[in-house]
Amino acid sequence: TNTIKEGAMFTIEFSPEHGVRLNYDEVGDLPYIKEEGFDRAILRAWLGDNPISLEMKKDLLGQH
């Protein structure tokens, strides 16, 4: 198993043509995922009604 280290950076790239791709600084670009609804699921994880972290959601939306 891989362990995500504290301070690790992820980026999310959206391309209408290709789908969603994640980049993890330890691994690099992961393949595009063009499953319908995947982009919305990713956004909901951080910005939805029940985010992974309410503090992170506030940070992302500049609500601090």
PDB file of N, CA and C in Angstrom:
ATOM      1  N   THR A   1       0.834  -1.191   0.000  1.00  0.00           N
ATOM      2  CA  THR A   1       0.000   0.000   0.000  1.00  0.00           C
ATOM      3  C   THR A   1       0.875   1.249   0.000  1.00  0.00           C
ATOM      4  N   ASN A   2       0.346   2.290  -0.570  1.00  0.00           N
ATOM      5  CA  ASN A   2       1.036   3.579  -0.580  1.00  0.00           C
ATOM      6  C   ASN A   2       0.488   4.444   0.541  1.00  0.00           C
ATOM      7  N   THR A   3       1.342   5.161   1.191  1.00  0.00           N
ATOM      8  CA  THR A   3       0.942   6.085   2.242  1.00  0.00           C
ATOM      9  C   THR A   3       1.120   7.497   1.719  1.00  0.00           C
ATOM     10  N   ILE A   4       0.104   8.310   1.913  1.00  0.00           N
ATOM     11  CA  ILE A   4       0.191   9.708   1.502  1.00  0.00           C
ATOM     12  C   ILE A   4       0.847  10.476   2.637  1.00  0.00           C
ATOM     13  N   LYS A   5       1.909  11.164   2.318  1.00  0.00           N
ATOM     14  CA  LYS A   5       2.679  11.885   3.326  1.00  0.00           C
ATOM     15  C   LYS A   5       2.064  13.248   3.616  1.00  0.00           C
ATOM     16  N   GLU A   6       2.218  13.688   4.854  1.00  0.00           N
ATOM     17  CA  GLU A   6       1.748  15.014   5.225  1.00  0.00           C
ATOM     18  C   GLU A   6       2.421  16.053   4.335  1.00  0.00           C
ATOM     19  N   GLY A   7       1.635  17.002   3.846  1.00  0.00           N
ATOM     20  CA  GLY A   7       2.157  18.040   2.972  1.00  0.00           C
ATOM     21  C   GLY A   7       2.155  17.661   1.500  1.00  0.00           C
ATOM     22  N   ALA A   8       1.694  16.441   1.181  1.00  0.00           N
ATOM     23  CA  ALA A   8       1.643  16.007  -0.217  1.00  0.00           C
ATOM     24  C   ALA A   8       0.714  16.928  -1.001  1.00  0.00           C
ATOM     25  N   MET A   9       1.040  17.139  -2.268  1.00  0.00           N
ATOM     26  CA  MET A   9       0.241  18.007  -3.131  1.00  0.00           C
ATOM     27  C   MET A   9      -0.482  17.184  -4.188  1.00  0.00           C
ATOM     28  N   PHE A  10      -1.759  17.492  -4.353  1.00  0.00           N
ATOM     29  CA  PHE A  10      -2.570  16.902  -5.406  1.00  0.00           C
ATOM     30  C   PHE A  10      -3.084  18.038  -6.270  1.00  0.00           C
ATOM     31  N   THR A  11      -3.188  17.807  -7.551  1.00  0.00           N
ATOM     32  CA  THR A  11      -3.891  18.742  -8.420  1.00  0.00           C
ATOM     33  C   THR A  11      -4.938  17.951  -9.179  1.00  0.00           C
ATOM     34  N   ILE A  12      -6.006  18.634  -9.528  1.00  0.00           N
ATOM     35  CA  ILE A  12      -7.085  18.033 -10.298  1.00  0.00           C
ATOM     36  C   ILE A  12      -7.193  18.828 -11.586  1.00  0.00           C
ATOM     37  N   GLU A  13      -7.101  18.147 -12.694  1.00  0.00           N
ATOM     38  CA  GLU A  13      -7.178  18.795 -14.010  1.00  0.00           C
ATOM     39  C   GLU A  13      -8.437  18.306 -14.711  1.00  0.00           C
ATOM     40  N   PHE A  14      -9.227  19.237 -15.241  1.00  0.00           N
ATOM     41  CA  PHE A  14     -10.424  18.869 -15.987  1.00  0.00           C
ATOM     42  C   PHE A  14     -10.264  19.288 -17.433  1.00  0.00           C
ATOM     43  N   SER A  15     -10.532  18.361 -18.328  1.00  0.00           N
ATOM     44  CA  SER A  15     -10.520  18.622 -19.759  1.00  0.00           C
ATOM     45  C   SER A  15     -11.838  18.115 -20.329  1.00  0.00           C
ATOM     46  N   PRO A  16     -12.648  18.989 -20.951  1.00  0.00           N
ATOM     47  CA  PRO A  16     -13.898  18.523 -21.535  1.00  0.00           C
ATOM     48  C   PRO A  16     -13.686  17.372 -22.519  1.00  0.00           C
ATOM     49  N   GLU A  17     -12.560  17.398 -23.191  1.00  0.00           N
ATOM     50  CA  GLU A  17     -12.265  16.370 -24.194  1.00  0.00           C
ATOM     51  C   GLU A  17     -11.808  15.054 -23.566  1.00  0.00           C
ATOM     52  N   HIS A  18     -10.993  15.143 -22.501  1.00  0.00           N
ATOM     53  CA  HIS A  18     -10.364  13.945 -21.945  1.00  0.00           C
ATOM     54  C   HIS A  18     -10.940  13.463 -20.623  1.00  0.00           C
ATOM     55  N   GLY A  19     -11.560  14.339 -19.848  1.00  0.00           N
ATOM     56  CA  GLY A  19     -12.093  13.967 -18.543  1.00  0.00           C
ATOM     57  C   GLY A  19     -11.289  14.589 -17.416  1.00  0.00           C
ATOM     58  N   VAL A  20     -11.193  13.875 -16.312  1.00  0.00           N
ATOM     59  CA  VAL A  20     -10.514  14.364 -15.112  1.00  0.00           C
ATOM     60  C   VAL A  20      -9.224  13.580 -14.911  1.00  0.00           C
ATOM     61  N   ARG A  21      -8.180  14.312 -14.537  1.00  0.00           N
ATOM     62  CA  ARG A  21      -6.898  13.659 -14.248  1.00  0.00           C
ATOM     63  C   ARG A  21      -6.375  14.218 -12.931  1.00  0.00           C
ATOM     64  N   LEU A  22      -5.886  13.331 -12.094  1.00  0.00           N
ATOM     65  CA  LEU A  22      -5.270  13.726 -10.836  1.00  0.00           C
ATOM     66  C   LEU A  22      -3.763  13.686 -10.994  1.00  0.00           C
ATOM     67  N   ASN A  23      -3.096  14.552 -10.277  1.00  0.00           N
ATOM     68  CA  ASN A  23      -1.642  14.528 -10.215  1.00  0.00           C
ATOM     69  C   ASN A  23      -1.264  14.513  -8.749  1.00  0.00           C
ATOM     70  N   TYR A  24      -0.436  13.557  -8.393  1.00  0.00           N
ATOM     71  CA  TYR A  24       0.069  13.438  -7.029  1.00  0.00           C
ATOM     72  C   TYR A  24       1.564  13.615  -7.120  1.00  0.00           C
ATOM     73  N   ASP A  25       2.113  14.534  -6.337  1.00  0.00           N
ATOM     74  CA  ASP A  25       3.520  14.902  -6.501  1.00  0.00           C
ATOM     75  C   ASP A  25       4.486  13.731  -6.365  1.00  0.00           C
ATOM     76  N   GLU A  26       4.104  12.672  -5.670  1.00  0.00           N
ATOM     77  CA  GLU A  26       4.986  11.510  -5.522  1.00  0.00           C
ATOM     78  C   GLU A  26       4.941  10.599  -6.755  1.00  0.00           C
ATOM     79  N   VAL A  27       3.856  10.683  -7.520  1.00  0.00           N
ATOM     80  CA  VAL A  27       3.627   9.745  -8.623  1.00  0.00           C
ATOM     81  C   VAL A  27       3.650  10.430  -9.983  1.00  0.00           C
ATOM     82  N   GLY A  28       3.150  11.659 -10.046  1.00  0.00           N
ATOM     83  CA  GLY A  28       3.012  12.356 -11.319  1.00  0.00           C
ATOM     84  C   GLY A  28       1.584  12.253 -11.819  1.00  0.00           C
ATOM     85  N   ASP A  29       1.394  12.522 -13.090  1.00  0.00           N
ATOM     86  CA  ASP A  29       0.056  12.507 -13.678  1.00  0.00           C
ATOM     87  C   ASP A  29      -0.493  11.093 -13.730  1.00  0.00           C
ATOM     88  N   LEU A  30      -1.713  10.944 -13.242  1.00  0.00           N
ATOM     89  CA  LEU A  30      -2.429   9.683 -13.365  1.00  0.00           C
ATOM     90  C   LEU A  30      -3.252   9.742 -14.647  1.00  0.00           C
ATOM     91  N   PRO A  31      -3.722   8.618 -15.150  1.00  0.00           N
ATOM     92  CA  PRO A  31      -4.493   8.637 -16.402  1.00  0.00           C
ATOM     93  C   PRO A  31      -5.801   9.426 -16.258  1.00  0.00           C
ATOM     94  N   TYR A  32      -6.264   9.961 -17.381  1.00  0.00           N
ATOM     95  CA  TYR A  32      -7.563  10.636 -17.399  1.00  0.00           C
ATOM     96  C   TYR A  32      -8.661   9.625 -17.106  1.00  0.00           C
ATOM     97  N   ILE A  33      -9.695  10.097 -16.398  1.00  0.00           N
ATOM     98  CA  ILE A  33     -10.883   9.291 -16.134  1.00  0.00           C
ATOM     99  C   ILE A  33     -12.044  10.031 -16.768  1.00  0.00           C
ATOM    100  N   LYS A  34     -12.716   9.383 -17.706  1.00  0.00           N
ATOM    101  CA  LYS A  34     -13.819  10.035 -18.408  1.00  0.00           C
ATOM    102  C   LYS A  34     -15.136   9.318 -18.112  1.00  0.00           C
ATOM    103  N   GLU A  35     -15.340   8.970 -16.858  1.00  0.00           N
ATOM    104  CA  GLU A  35     -16.598   8.378 -16.419  1.00  0.00           C
ATOM    105  C   GLU A  35     -17.596   9.500 -16.169  1.00  0.00           C
ATOM    106  N   GLU A  36     -18.804   9.342 -16.650  1.00  0.00           N
ATOM    107  CA  GLU A  36     -19.819  10.365 -16.424  1.00  0.00           C
ATOM    108  C   GLU A  36     -20.055  10.527 -14.924  1.00  0.00           C
ATOM    109  N   GLY A  37     -20.027  11.745 -14.452  1.00  0.00           N
ATOM    110  CA  GLY A  37     -20.278  12.043 -13.052  1.00  0.00           C
ATOM    111  C   GLY A  37     -19.048  12.020 -12.164  1.00  0.00           C
ATOM    112  N   PHE A  38     -17.911  11.521 -12.667  1.00  0.00           N
ATOM    113  CA  PHE A  38     -16.707  11.457 -11.835  1.00  0.00           C
ATOM    114  C   PHE A  38     -16.247  12.851 -11.430  1.00  0.00           C
ATOM    115  N   ASP A  39     -16.314  13.801 -12.365  1.00  0.00           N
ATOM    116  CA  ASP A  39     -15.893  15.167 -12.050  1.00  0.00           C
ATOM    117  C   ASP A  39     -16.735  15.754 -10.921  1.00  0.00           C
ATOM    118  N   ARG A  40     -18.039  15.520 -10.969  1.00  0.00           N
ATOM    119  CA  ARG A  40     -18.915  16.034  -9.912  1.00  0.00           C
ATOM    120  C   ARG A  40     -18.645  15.342  -8.580  1.00  0.00           C
ATOM    121  N   ALA A  41     -18.359  14.050  -8.630  1.00  0.00           N
ATOM    122  CA  ALA A  41     -18.054  13.315  -7.397  1.00  0.00           C
ATOM    123  C   ALA A  41     -16.791  13.859  -6.737  1.00  0.00           C
ATOM    124  N   ILE A  42     -15.779  14.164  -7.547  1.00  0.00           N
ATOM    125  CA  ILE A  42     -14.537  14.727  -7.008  1.00  0.00           C
ATOM    126  C   ILE A  42     -14.823  16.072  -6.337  1.00  0.00           C
ATOM    127  N   LEU A  43     -15.578  16.930  -7.005  1.00  0.00           N
ATOM    128  CA  LEU A  43     -15.882  18.241  -6.426  1.00  0.00           C
ATOM    129  C   LEU A  43     -16.720  18.124  -5.159  1.00  0.00           C
ATOM    130  N   ARG A  44     -17.687  17.205  -5.161  1.00  0.00           N
ATOM    131  CA  ARG A  44     -18.520  17.021  -3.969  1.00  0.00           C
ATOM    132  C   ARG A  44     -17.701  16.596  -2.758  1.00  0.00           C
ATOM    133  N   ALA A  45     -16.645  15.824  -2.988  1.00  0.00           N
ATOM    134  CA  ALA A  45     -15.818  15.354  -1.868  1.00  0.00           C
ATOM    135  C   ALA A  45     -15.249  16.527  -1.075  1.00  0.00           C
ATOM    136  N   TRP A  46     -14.958  17.636  -1.741  1.00  0.00           N
ATOM    137  CA  TRP A  46     -14.372  18.795  -1.065  1.00  0.00           C
ATOM    138  C   TRP A  46     -15.347  19.946  -0.893  1.00  0.00           C
ATOM    139  N   LEU A  47     -16.289  20.088  -1.820  1.00  0.00           N
ATOM    140  CA  LEU A  47     -17.153  21.266  -1.803  1.00  0.00           C
ATOM    141  C   LEU A  47     -18.626  20.950  -1.598  1.00  0.00           C
ATOM    142  N   GLY A  48     -18.974  19.694  -1.472  1.00  0.00           N
ATOM    143  CA  GLY A  48     -20.371  19.297  -1.336  1.00  0.00           C
ATOM    144  C   GLY A  48     -20.937  19.553   0.054  1.00  0.00           C
ATOM    145  N   ASP A  49     -22.167  19.083   0.272  1.00  0.00           N
ATOM    146  CA  ASP A  49     -22.849  19.277   1.548  1.00  0.00           C
ATOM    147  C   ASP A  49     -22.162  18.555   2.704  1.00  0.00           C
ATOM    148  N   ASN A  50     -21.515  17.437   2.432  1.00  0.00           N
ATOM    149  CA  ASN A  50     -20.813  16.659   3.458  1.00  0.00           C
ATOM    150  C   ASN A  50     -19.363  16.451   3.031  1.00  0.00           C
ATOM    151  N   PRO A  51     -18.558  17.518   3.041  1.00  0.00           N
ATOM    152  CA  PRO A  51     -17.181  17.414   2.542  1.00  0.00           C
ATOM    153  C   PRO A  51     -16.299  16.557   3.452  1.00  0.00           C
ATOM    154  N   ILE A  52     -15.195  16.101   2.906  1.00  0.00           N
ATOM    155  CA  ILE A  52     -14.209  15.349   3.677  1.00  0.00           C
ATOM    156  C   ILE A  52     -13.780  16.158   4.892  1.00  0.00           C
ATOM    157  N   SER A  53     -13.599  17.456   4.710  1.00  0.00           N
ATOM    158  CA  SER A  53     -13.182  18.352   5.793  1.00  0.00           C
ATOM    159  C   SER A  53     -13.885  19.691   5.614  1.00  0.00           C
ATOM    160  N   LEU A  54     -14.662  20.076   6.608  1.00  0.00           N
ATOM    161  CA  LEU A  54     -15.340  21.368   6.541  1.00  0.00           C
ATOM    162  C   LEU A  54     -14.329  22.513   6.543  1.00  0.00           C
ATOM    163  N   GLU A  55     -13.239  22.352   7.298  1.00  0.00           N
ATOM    164  CA  GLU A  55     -12.196  23.384   7.321  1.00  0.00           C
ATOM    165  C   GLU A  55     -11.561  23.557   5.938  1.00  0.00           C
ATOM    166  N   MET A  56     -11.294  22.441   5.256  1.00  0.00           N
ATOM    167  CA  MET A  56     -10.708  22.532   3.918  1.00  0.00           C
ATOM    168  C   MET A  56     -11.688  23.190   2.956  1.00  0.00           C
ATOM    169  N   LYS A  57     -12.964  22.854   3.067  1.00  0.00           N
ATOM    170  CA  LYS A  57     -13.968  23.473   2.204  1.00  0.00           C
ATOM    171  C   LYS A  57     -13.963  24.988   2.401  1.00  0.00           C
ATOM    172  N   LYS A  58     -13.931  25.423   3.663  1.00  0.00           N
ATOM    173  CA  LYS A  58     -13.902  26.859   3.942  1.00  0.00           C
ATOM    174  C   LYS A  58     -12.643  27.504   3.366  1.00  0.00           C
ATOM    175  N   ASP A  59     -11.507  26.816   3.493  1.00  0.00           N
ATOM    176  CA  ASP A  59     -10.253  27.337   2.928  1.00  0.00           C
ATOM    177  C   ASP A  59     -10.348  27.468   1.413  1.00  0.00           C
ATOM    178  N   LEU A  60     -10.874  26.432   0.756  1.00  0.00           N
ATOM    179  CA  LEU A  60     -10.977  26.450  -0.704  1.00  0.00           C
ATOM    180  C   LEU A  60     -11.901  27.560  -1.191  1.00  0.00           C
ATOM    181  N   LEU A  61     -12.929  27.855  -0.406  1.00  0.00           N
ATOM    182  CA  LEU A  61     -13.886  28.891  -0.787  1.00  0.00           C
ATOM    183  C   LEU A  61     -13.527  30.263  -0.227  1.00  0.00           C
ATOM    184  N   GLY A  62     -12.388  30.351   0.470  1.00  0.00           N
ATOM    185  CA  GLY A  62     -11.953  31.627   1.027  1.00  0.00           C
ATOM    186  C   GLY A  62     -12.866  32.143   2.117  1.00  0.00           C
ATOM    187  N   GLN A  63     -13.421  31.245   2.917  1.00  0.00           N
ATOM    188  CA  GLN A  63     -14.384  31.637   3.949  1.00  0.00           C
ATOM    189  C   GLN A  63     -13.768  31.714   5.339  1.00  0.00           C
ATOM    190  N   HIS A  64     -12.485  31.926   5.430  1.00  0.00           N
ATOM    191  CA  HIS A  64     -11.836  32.081   6.746  1.00  0.00           C
ATOM    192  C   HIS A  64     -11.491  33.515   6.985  1.00  0.00           C
TER     193      HIS A  64
END
